[in-house]
């Protein structure tokens, strides 16, 4: 009989980075290649900007995720406000 063993696969995640104030911009990416069929999402401050070029489907997923997170955060605020009373 072989010895029992367990194979584990894990993902190592860094701690969340320190919150940074910045701006988010969303626009249609228009180049000779994309012809306006991509969404350009950028976040940054005066030191650095990060860009993501998204397909329309990816942009909708991001928008849906943001909307759902906002609804959950709003609900948590309501619960927290009632707890303080």
PDB file of N, CA and C in Angstrom:
ATOM      1  N   UNK A   1       0.852  -1.176   0.000  1.00  0.00           N
ATOM      2  CA  UNK A   1       0.000   0.000   0.000  1.00  0.00           C
ATOM      3  C   UNK A   1       0.898   1.240   0.000  1.00  0.00           C
ATOM      4  N   UNK A   2       0.606   2.170  -0.873  1.00  0.00           N
ATOM      5  CA  UNK A   2       1.421   3.386  -0.917  1.00  0.00           C
ATOM      6  C   UNK A   2       1.010   4.346   0.186  1.00  0.00           C
ATOM      7  N   UNK A   3       1.975   5.186   0.535  1.00  0.00           N
ATOM      8  CA  UNK A   3       1.679   6.173   1.573  1.00  0.00           C
ATOM      9  C   UNK A   3       0.711   7.216   1.023  1.00  0.00           C
ATOM     10  N   UNK A   4      -0.243   7.633   1.835  1.00  0.00           N
ATOM     11  CA  UNK A   4      -1.166   8.668   1.356  1.00  0.00           C
ATOM     12  C   UNK A   4      -0.415   9.982   1.149  1.00  0.00           C
ATOM     13  N   UNK A   5      -0.801  10.700   0.141  1.00  0.00           N
ATOM     14  CA  UNK A   5      -0.213  12.021  -0.076  1.00  0.00           C
ATOM     15  C   UNK A   5      -1.284  12.954  -0.624  1.00  0.00           C
ATOM     16  N   UNK A   6      -1.008  14.211  -0.494  1.00  0.00           N
ATOM     17  CA  UNK A   6      -1.947  15.231  -0.925  1.00  0.00           C
ATOM     18  C   UNK A   6      -1.186  16.242  -1.760  1.00  0.00           C
ATOM     19  N   UNK A   7      -1.625  16.470  -2.969  1.00  0.00           N
ATOM     20  CA  UNK A   7      -1.030  17.481  -3.829  1.00  0.00           C
ATOM     21  C   UNK A   7      -1.833  18.760  -3.686  1.00  0.00           C
ATOM     22  N   UNK A   8      -1.158  19.832  -3.393  1.00  0.00           N
ATOM     23  CA  UNK A   8      -1.819  21.129  -3.252  1.00  0.00           C
ATOM     24  C   UNK A   8      -1.268  22.094  -4.281  1.00  0.00           C
ATOM     25  N   UNK A   9      -2.149  22.889  -4.810  1.00  0.00           N
ATOM     26  CA  UNK A   9      -1.739  23.966  -5.685  1.00  0.00           C
ATOM     27  C   UNK A   9      -2.247  25.251  -5.051  1.00  0.00           C
ATOM     28  N   UNK A  10      -1.405  26.236  -4.979  1.00  0.00           N
ATOM     29  CA  UNK A  10      -1.808  27.470  -4.319  1.00  0.00           C
ATOM     30  C   UNK A  10      -1.379  28.672  -5.134  1.00  0.00           C
ATOM     31  N   UNK A  11      -1.998  29.764  -4.854  1.00  0.00           N
ATOM     32  CA  UNK A  11      -1.640  31.028  -5.472  1.00  0.00           C
ATOM     33  C   UNK A  11      -1.175  31.945  -4.354  1.00  0.00           C
ATOM     34  N   UNK A  12       0.008  32.459  -4.489  1.00  0.00           N
ATOM     35  CA  UNK A  12       0.536  33.373  -3.484  1.00  0.00           C
ATOM     36  C   UNK A  12       0.191  34.785  -3.920  1.00  0.00           C
ATOM     37  N   UNK A  13      -0.454  35.508  -3.028  1.00  0.00           N
ATOM     38  CA  UNK A  13      -0.834  36.887  -3.334  1.00  0.00           C
ATOM     39  C   UNK A  13      -0.131  37.820  -2.382  1.00  0.00           C
ATOM     40  N   UNK A  14       0.296  38.919  -2.910  1.00  0.00           N
ATOM     41  CA  UNK A  14       0.927  39.927  -2.069  1.00  0.00           C
ATOM     42  C   UNK A  14      -0.134  40.628  -1.246  1.00  0.00           C
ATOM     43  N   UNK A  15       0.316  41.233  -0.185  1.00  0.00           N
ATOM     44  CA  UNK A  15      -0.615  42.059   0.578  1.00  0.00           C
ATOM     45  C   UNK A  15      -1.100  43.173  -0.323  1.00  0.00           C
ATOM     46  N   UNK A  16      -2.266  43.659   0.002  1.00  0.00           N
ATOM     47  CA  UNK A  16      -2.808  44.749  -0.811  1.00  0.00           C
ATOM     48  C   UNK A  16      -1.873  45.948  -0.757  1.00  0.00           C
ATOM     49  N   UNK A  17      -1.698  46.592  -1.907  1.00  0.00           N
ATOM     50  CA  UNK A  17      -0.837  47.778  -1.906  1.00  0.00           C
ATOM     51  C   UNK A  17      -1.506  48.923  -1.149  1.00  0.00           C
ATOM     52  N   UNK A  18      -0.693  49.849  -0.747  1.00  0.00           N
ATOM     53  CA  UNK A  18      -1.201  51.031  -0.062  1.00  0.00           C
ATOM     54  C   UNK A  18      -2.127  51.776  -1.018  1.00  0.00           C
ATOM     55  N   UNK A  19      -3.250  52.230  -0.518  1.00  0.00           N
ATOM     56  CA  UNK A  19      -4.206  52.964  -1.348  1.00  0.00           C
ATOM     57  C   UNK A  19      -3.549  54.223  -1.901  1.00  0.00           C
ATOM     58  N   UNK A  20      -3.860  54.505  -3.139  1.00  0.00           N
ATOM     59  CA  UNK A  20      -3.278  55.656  -3.816  1.00  0.00           C
ATOM     60  C   UNK A  20      -4.398  56.519  -4.370  1.00  0.00           C
ATOM     61  N   UNK A  21      -4.299  57.803  -4.156  1.00  0.00           N
ATOM     62  CA  UNK A  21      -5.236  58.717  -4.796  1.00  0.00           C
ATOM     63  C   UNK A  21      -4.823  58.880  -6.249  1.00  0.00           C
ATOM     64  N   UNK A  22      -5.792  58.901  -7.116  1.00  0.00           N
ATOM     65  CA  UNK A  22      -5.491  59.064  -8.522  1.00  0.00           C
ATOM     66  C   UNK A  22      -6.765  59.269  -9.301  1.00  0.00           C
ATOM     67  N   UNK A  23      -6.644  59.164 -10.586  1.00  0.00           N
ATOM     68  CA  UNK A  23      -7.804  59.335 -11.445  1.00  0.00           C
ATOM     69  C   UNK A  23      -7.988  58.097 -12.313  1.00  0.00           C
ATOM     70  N   UNK A  24      -9.225  57.844 -12.667  1.00  0.00           N
ATOM     71  CA  UNK A  24      -9.556  56.759 -13.583  1.00  0.00           C
ATOM     72  C   UNK A  24     -10.161  57.398 -14.823  1.00  0.00           C
ATOM     73  N   UNK A  25      -9.688  56.970 -15.966  1.00  0.00           N
ATOM     74  CA  UNK A  25     -10.233  57.473 -17.223  1.00  0.00           C
ATOM     75  C   UNK A  25     -10.640  56.293 -18.090  1.00  0.00           C
ATOM     76  N   UNK A  26     -11.755  56.437 -18.766  1.00  0.00           N
ATOM     77  CA  UNK A  26     -12.253  55.415 -19.677  1.00  0.00           C
ATOM     78  C   UNK A  26     -12.531  56.087 -21.011  1.00  0.00           C
ATOM     79  N   UNK A  27     -12.019  55.474 -22.068  1.00  0.00           N
ATOM     80  CA  UNK A  27     -12.255  56.034 -23.395  1.00  0.00           C
ATOM     81  C   UNK A  27     -12.243  54.910 -24.417  1.00  0.00           C
ATOM     82  N   UNK A  28     -12.620  55.248 -25.630  1.00  0.00           N
ATOM     83  CA  UNK A  28     -12.543  54.290 -26.730  1.00  0.00           C
ATOM     84  C   UNK A  28     -11.150  54.399 -27.317  1.00  0.00           C
ATOM     85  N   UNK A  29     -10.468  53.257 -27.404  1.00  0.00           N
ATOM     86  CA  UNK A  29      -9.121  53.223 -27.963  1.00  0.00           C
ATOM     87  C   UNK A  29      -9.226  53.220 -29.476  1.00  0.00           C
ATOM     88  N   UNK A  30      -8.751  54.248 -30.095  1.00  0.00           N
ATOM     89  CA  UNK A  30      -8.856  54.350 -31.552  1.00  0.00           C
ATOM     90  C   UNK A  30      -7.449  54.414 -32.151  1.00  0.00           C
ATOM     91  N   UNK A  31      -7.070  53.305 -32.753  1.00  0.00           N
ATOM     92  CA  UNK A  31      -5.798  53.247 -33.474  1.00  0.00           C
ATOM     93  C   UNK A  31      -6.066  52.674 -34.861  1.00  0.00           C
ATOM     94  N   UNK A  32      -5.031  52.602 -35.677  1.00  0.00           N
ATOM     95  CA  UNK A  32      -5.194  52.006 -37.004  1.00  0.00           C
ATOM     96  C   UNK A  32      -5.602  50.537 -36.903  1.00  0.00           C
ATOM     97  N   UNK A  33      -5.199  49.889 -35.821  1.00  0.00           N
ATOM     98  CA  UNK A  33      -5.475  48.466 -35.656  1.00  0.00           C
ATOM     99  C   UNK A  33      -6.857  48.238 -35.044  1.00  0.00           C
ATOM    100  N   UNK A  34      -7.183  48.970 -33.979  1.00  0.00           N
ATOM    101  CA  UNK A  34      -8.421  48.702 -33.240  1.00  0.00           C
ATOM    102  C   UNK A  34      -9.638  49.393 -33.822  1.00  0.00           C
ATOM    103  N   UNK A  35      -9.460  50.482 -34.518  1.00  0.00           N
ATOM    104  CA  UNK A  35     -10.563  51.224 -35.140  1.00  0.00           C
ATOM    105  C   UNK A  35     -11.700  51.511 -34.158  1.00  0.00           C
ATOM    106  N   UNK A  36     -11.363  51.789 -32.925  1.00  0.00           N
ATOM    107  CA  UNK A  36     -12.384  52.151 -31.938  1.00  0.00           C
ATOM    108  C   UNK A  36     -13.098  50.973 -31.323  1.00  0.00           C
ATOM    109  N   UNK A  37     -12.630  49.747 -31.574  1.00  0.00           N
ATOM    110  CA  UNK A  37     -13.332  48.571 -31.068  1.00  0.00           C
ATOM    111  C   UNK A  37     -12.826  48.116 -29.705  1.00  0.00           C
ATOM    112  N   UNK A  38     -11.995  48.890 -29.059  1.00  0.00           N
ATOM    113  CA  UNK A  38     -11.457  48.550 -27.746  1.00  0.00           C
ATOM    114  C   UNK A  38     -11.742  49.682 -26.777  1.00  0.00           C
ATOM    115  N   UNK A  39     -11.771  49.335 -25.494  1.00  0.00           N
ATOM    116  CA  UNK A  39     -11.979  50.324 -24.444  1.00  0.00           C
ATOM    117  C   UNK A  39     -10.662  50.489 -23.710  1.00  0.00           C
ATOM    118  N   UNK A  40     -10.226  51.715 -23.557  1.00  0.00           N
ATOM    119  CA  UNK A  40      -8.978  52.018 -22.857  1.00  0.00           C
ATOM    120  C   UNK A  40      -9.327  52.469 -21.447  1.00  0.00           C
ATOM    121  N   UNK A  41      -8.846  51.728 -20.467  1.00  0.00           N
ATOM    122  CA  UNK A  41      -9.054  52.036 -19.055  1.00  0.00           C
ATOM    123  C   UNK A  41      -7.705  52.431 -18.489  1.00  0.00           C
ATOM    124  N   UNK A  42      -7.635  53.578 -17.840  1.00  0.00           N
ATOM    125  CA  UNK A  42      -6.366  53.994 -17.259  1.00  0.00           C
ATOM    126  C   UNK A  42      -6.588  54.496 -15.841  1.00  0.00           C
ATOM    127  N   UNK A  43      -5.596  54.232 -15.004  1.00  0.00           N
ATOM    128  CA  UNK A  43      -5.602  54.706 -13.625  1.00  0.00           C
ATOM    129  C   UNK A  43      -4.215  55.213 -13.320  1.00  0.00           C
ATOM    130  N   UNK A  44      -4.167  56.356 -12.677  1.00  0.00           N
ATOM    131  CA  UNK A  44      -2.848  56.858 -12.330  1.00  0.00           C
ATOM    132  C   UNK A  44      -2.893  58.158 -11.574  1.00  0.00           C
ATOM    133  N   UNK A  45      -1.706  58.582 -11.224  1.00  0.00           N
ATOM    134  CA  UNK A  45      -1.530  59.866 -10.558  1.00  0.00           C
ATOM    135  C   UNK A  45      -0.458  60.630 -11.320  1.00  0.00           C
ATOM    136  N   UNK A  46       0.101  61.660 -10.702  1.00  0.00           N
ATOM    137  CA  UNK A  46       1.083  62.473 -11.415  1.00  0.00           C
ATOM    138  C   UNK A  46       2.423  61.758 -11.611  1.00  0.00           C
ATOM    139  N   UNK A  47       2.616  60.587 -10.985  1.00  0.00           N
ATOM    140  CA  UNK A  47       3.879  59.862 -11.116  1.00  0.00           C
ATOM    141  C   UNK A  47       3.812  58.687 -12.078  1.00  0.00           C
ATOM    142  N   UNK A  48       2.675  58.014 -12.141  1.00  0.00           N
ATOM    143  CA  UNK A  48       2.584  56.800 -12.941  1.00  0.00           C
ATOM    144  C   UNK A  48       1.145  56.532 -13.362  1.00  0.00           C
ATOM    145  N   UNK A  49       0.978  56.021 -14.568  1.00  0.00           N
ATOM    146  CA  UNK A  49      -0.351  55.648 -15.068  1.00  0.00           C
ATOM    147  C   UNK A  49      -0.281  54.223 -15.600  1.00  0.00           C
ATOM    148  N   UNK A  50      -1.292  53.440 -15.266  1.00  0.00           N
ATOM    149  CA  UNK A  50      -1.402  52.072 -15.743  1.00  0.00           C
ATOM    150  C   UNK A  50      -2.569  52.001 -16.720  1.00  0.00           C
ATOM    151  N   UNK A  51      -2.352  51.350 -17.847  1.00  0.00           N
ATOM    152  CA  UNK A  51      -3.363  51.250 -18.889  1.00  0.00           C
ATOM    153  C   UNK A  51      -3.788  49.808 -19.083  1.00  0.00           C
ATOM    154  N   UNK A  52      -5.049  49.617 -19.414  1.00  0.00           N
ATOM    155  CA  UNK A  52      -5.564  48.311 -19.816  1.00  0.00           C
ATOM    156  C   UNK A  52      -6.418  48.522 -21.053  1.00  0.00           C
ATOM    157  N   UNK A  53      -6.149  47.752 -22.088  1.00  0.00           N
ATOM    158  CA  UNK A  53      -6.957  47.791 -23.301  1.00  0.00           C
ATOM    159  C   UNK A  53      -7.897  46.593 -23.234  1.00  0.00           C
ATOM    160  N   UNK A  54      -9.190  46.870 -23.219  1.00  0.00           N
ATOM    161  CA  UNK A  54     -10.205  45.843 -23.017  1.00  0.00           C
ATOM    162  C   UNK A  54     -11.081  45.668 -24.250  1.00  0.00           C
ATOM    163  N   UNK A  55     -11.532  44.444 -24.457  1.00  0.00           N
ATOM    164  CA  UNK A  55     -12.551  44.218 -25.474  1.00  0.00           C
ATOM    165  C   UNK A  55     -13.869  44.731 -24.901  1.00  0.00           C
ATOM    166  N   UNK A  56     -14.869  44.932 -25.732  1.00  0.00           N
ATOM    167  CA  UNK A  56     -16.167  45.347 -25.198  1.00  0.00           C
ATOM    168  C   UNK A  56     -16.703  44.372 -24.143  1.00  0.00           C
ATOM    169  N   UNK A  57     -16.525  43.077 -24.350  1.00  0.00           N
ATOM    170  CA  UNK A  57     -16.989  42.082 -23.377  1.00  0.00           C
ATOM    171  C   UNK A  57     -16.247  42.227 -22.058  1.00  0.00           C
ATOM    172  N   UNK A  58     -14.937  42.398 -22.117  1.00  0.00           N
ATOM    173  CA  UNK A  58     -14.153  42.580 -20.891  1.00  0.00           C
ATOM    174  C   UNK A  58     -14.564  43.853 -20.167  1.00  0.00           C
ATOM    175  N   UNK A  59     -14.816  44.916 -20.918  1.00  0.00           N
ATOM    176  CA  UNK A  59     -15.226  46.184 -20.305  1.00  0.00           C
ATOM    177  C   UNK A  59     -16.573  46.027 -19.594  1.00  0.00           C
ATOM    178  N   UNK A  60     -17.490  45.273 -20.203  1.00  0.00           N
ATOM    179  CA  UNK A  60     -18.789  45.025 -19.567  1.00  0.00           C
ATOM    180  C   UNK A  60     -18.612  44.228 -18.284  1.00  0.00           C
ATOM    181  N   UNK A  61     -17.706  43.248 -18.281  1.00  0.00           N
ATOM    182  CA  UNK A  61     -17.453  42.461 -17.066  1.00  0.00           C
ATOM    183  C   UNK A  61     -16.902  43.341 -15.957  1.00  0.00           C
ATOM    184  N   UNK A  62     -15.979  44.234 -16.296  1.00  0.00           N
ATOM    185  CA  UNK A  62     -15.422  45.149 -15.298  1.00  0.00           C
ATOM    186  C   UNK A  62     -16.527  46.050 -14.758  1.00  0.00           C
ATOM    187  N   UNK A  63     -17.352  46.580 -15.645  1.00  0.00           N
ATOM    188  CA  UNK A  63     -18.449  47.462 -15.224  1.00  0.00           C
ATOM    189  C   UNK A  63     -19.425  46.725 -14.310  1.00  0.00           C
ATOM    190  N   UNK A  64     -19.752  45.491 -14.659  1.00  0.00           N
ATOM    191  CA  UNK A  64     -20.663  44.691 -13.831  1.00  0.00           C
ATOM    192  C   UNK A  64     -20.048  44.421 -12.464  1.00  0.00           C
ATOM    193  N   UNK A  65     -18.782  44.059 -12.437  1.00  0.00           N
ATOM    194  CA  UNK A  65     -18.103  43.794 -11.165  1.00  0.00           C
ATOM    195  C   UNK A  65     -18.059  45.049 -10.292  1.00  0.00           C
ATOM    196  N   UNK A  66     -17.790  46.196 -10.885  1.00  0.00           N
ATOM    197  CA  UNK A  66     -17.784  47.451 -10.127  1.00  0.00           C
ATOM    198  C   UNK A  66     -19.168  47.769  -9.577  1.00  0.00           C
ATOM    199  N   UNK A  67     -20.179  47.581 -10.397  1.00  0.00           N
ATOM    200  CA  UNK A  67     -21.547  47.856  -9.958  1.00  0.00           C
ATOM    201  C   UNK A  67     -21.947  46.934  -8.807  1.00  0.00           C
ATOM    202  N   UNK A  68     -21.629  45.652  -8.928  1.00  0.00           N
ATOM    203  CA  UNK A  68     -21.958  44.703  -7.863  1.00  0.00           C
ATOM    204  C   UNK A  68     -21.208  45.023  -6.574  1.00  0.00           C
ATOM    205  N   UNK A  69     -19.950  45.383  -6.681  1.00  0.00           N
ATOM    206  CA  UNK A  69     -19.168  45.749  -5.498  1.00  0.00           C
ATOM    207  C   UNK A  69     -19.731  47.008  -4.846  1.00  0.00           C
ATOM    208  N   UNK A  70     -20.158  47.962  -5.664  1.00  0.00           N
ATOM    209  CA  UNK A  70     -20.738  49.193  -5.122  1.00  0.00           C
ATOM    210  C   UNK A  70     -22.039  48.910  -4.379  1.00  0.00           C
ATOM    211  N   UNK A  71     -22.860  48.024  -4.913  1.00  0.00           N
ATOM    212  CA  UNK A  71     -24.117  47.662  -4.249  1.00  0.00           C
ATOM    213  C   UNK A  71     -23.827  46.992  -2.906  1.00  0.00           C
ATOM    214  N   UNK A  72     -22.846  46.057  -2.888  1.00  0.00           N
ATOM    215  CA  UNK A  72     -22.494  45.394  -1.621  1.00  0.00           C
ATOM    216  C   UNK A  72     -21.928  46.387  -0.613  1.00  0.00           C
ATOM    217  N   UNK A  73     -21.097  47.312  -1.080  1.00  0.00           N
ATOM    218  CA  UNK A  73     -20.520  48.312  -0.180  1.00  0.00           C
ATOM    219  C   UNK A  73     -21.597  49.230   0.380  1.00  0.00           C
ATOM    220  N   UNK A  74     -22.546  49.606  -0.467  1.00  0.00           N
ATOM    221  CA  UNK A  74     -23.646  50.455  -0.028  1.00  0.00           C
ATOM    222  C   UNK A  74     -24.492  49.733   1.017  1.00  0.00           C
ATOM    223  N   UNK A  75     -24.762  48.459   0.803  1.00  0.00           N
ATOM    224  CA  UNK A  75     -25.542  47.664   1.757  1.00  0.00           C
ATOM    225  C   UNK A  75     -24.788  47.535   3.079  1.00  0.00           C
ATOM    226  N   UNK A  76     -23.477  47.362   3.016  1.00  0.00           N
ATOM    227  CA  UNK A  76     -22.676  47.259   4.243  1.00  0.00           C
ATOM    228  C   UNK A  76     -22.704  48.574   5.012  1.00  0.00           C
ATOM    229  N   UNK A  77     -22.693  49.694   4.298  1.00  0.00           N
ATOM    230  CA  UNK A  77     -22.793  51.007   4.955  1.00  0.00           C
ATOM    231  C   UNK A  77     -24.114  51.151   5.692  1.00  0.00           C
ATOM    232  N   UNK A  78     -25.205  50.690   5.099  1.00  0.00           N
ATOM    233  CA  UNK A  78     -26.525  50.782   5.722  1.00  0.00           C
ATOM    234  C   UNK A  78     -26.549  49.942   7.002  1.00  0.00           C
ATOM    235  N   UNK A  79     -26.018  48.739   6.929  1.00  0.00           N
ATOM    236  CA  UNK A  79     -25.972  47.857   8.107  1.00  0.00           C
ATOM    237  C   UNK A  79     -25.107  48.489   9.186  1.00  0.00           C
ATOM    238  N   UNK A  80     -23.980  49.047   8.789  1.00  0.00           N
ATOM    239  CA  UNK A  80     -23.073  49.676   9.750  1.00  0.00           C
ATOM    240  C   UNK A  80     -23.722  50.894  10.393  1.00  0.00           C
ATOM    241  N   UNK A  81     -24.471  51.692   9.609  1.00  0.00           N
ATOM    242  CA  UNK A  81     -25.160  52.867  10.156  1.00  0.00           C
ATOM    243  C   UNK A  81     -26.194  52.457  11.192  1.00  0.00           C
ATOM    244  N   UNK A  82     -26.938  51.379  10.945  1.00  0.00           N
ATOM    245  CA  UNK A  82     -27.946  50.911  11.899  1.00  0.00           C
ATOM    246  C   UNK A  82     -27.288  50.380  13.176  1.00  0.00           C
ATOM    247  N   UNK A  83     -26.135  49.802  13.049  1.00  0.00           N
ATOM    248  CA  UNK A  83     -25.431  49.266  14.215  1.00  0.00           C
ATOM    249  C   UNK A  83     -24.945  50.397  15.128  1.00  0.00           C
ATOM    250  N   UNK A  84     -24.666  51.547  14.550  1.00  0.00           N
ATOM    251  CA  UNK A  84     -24.180  52.685  15.330  1.00  0.00           C
ATOM    252  C   UNK A  84     -25.296  53.374  16.105  1.00  0.00           C
ATOM    253  N   UNK A  85     -26.536  53.109  15.739  1.00  0.00           N
ATOM    254  CA  UNK A  85     -27.664  53.821  16.385  1.00  0.00           C
ATOM    255  C   UNK A  85     -27.987  53.249  17.751  1.00  0.00           C
TER     256      UNK A  85
END
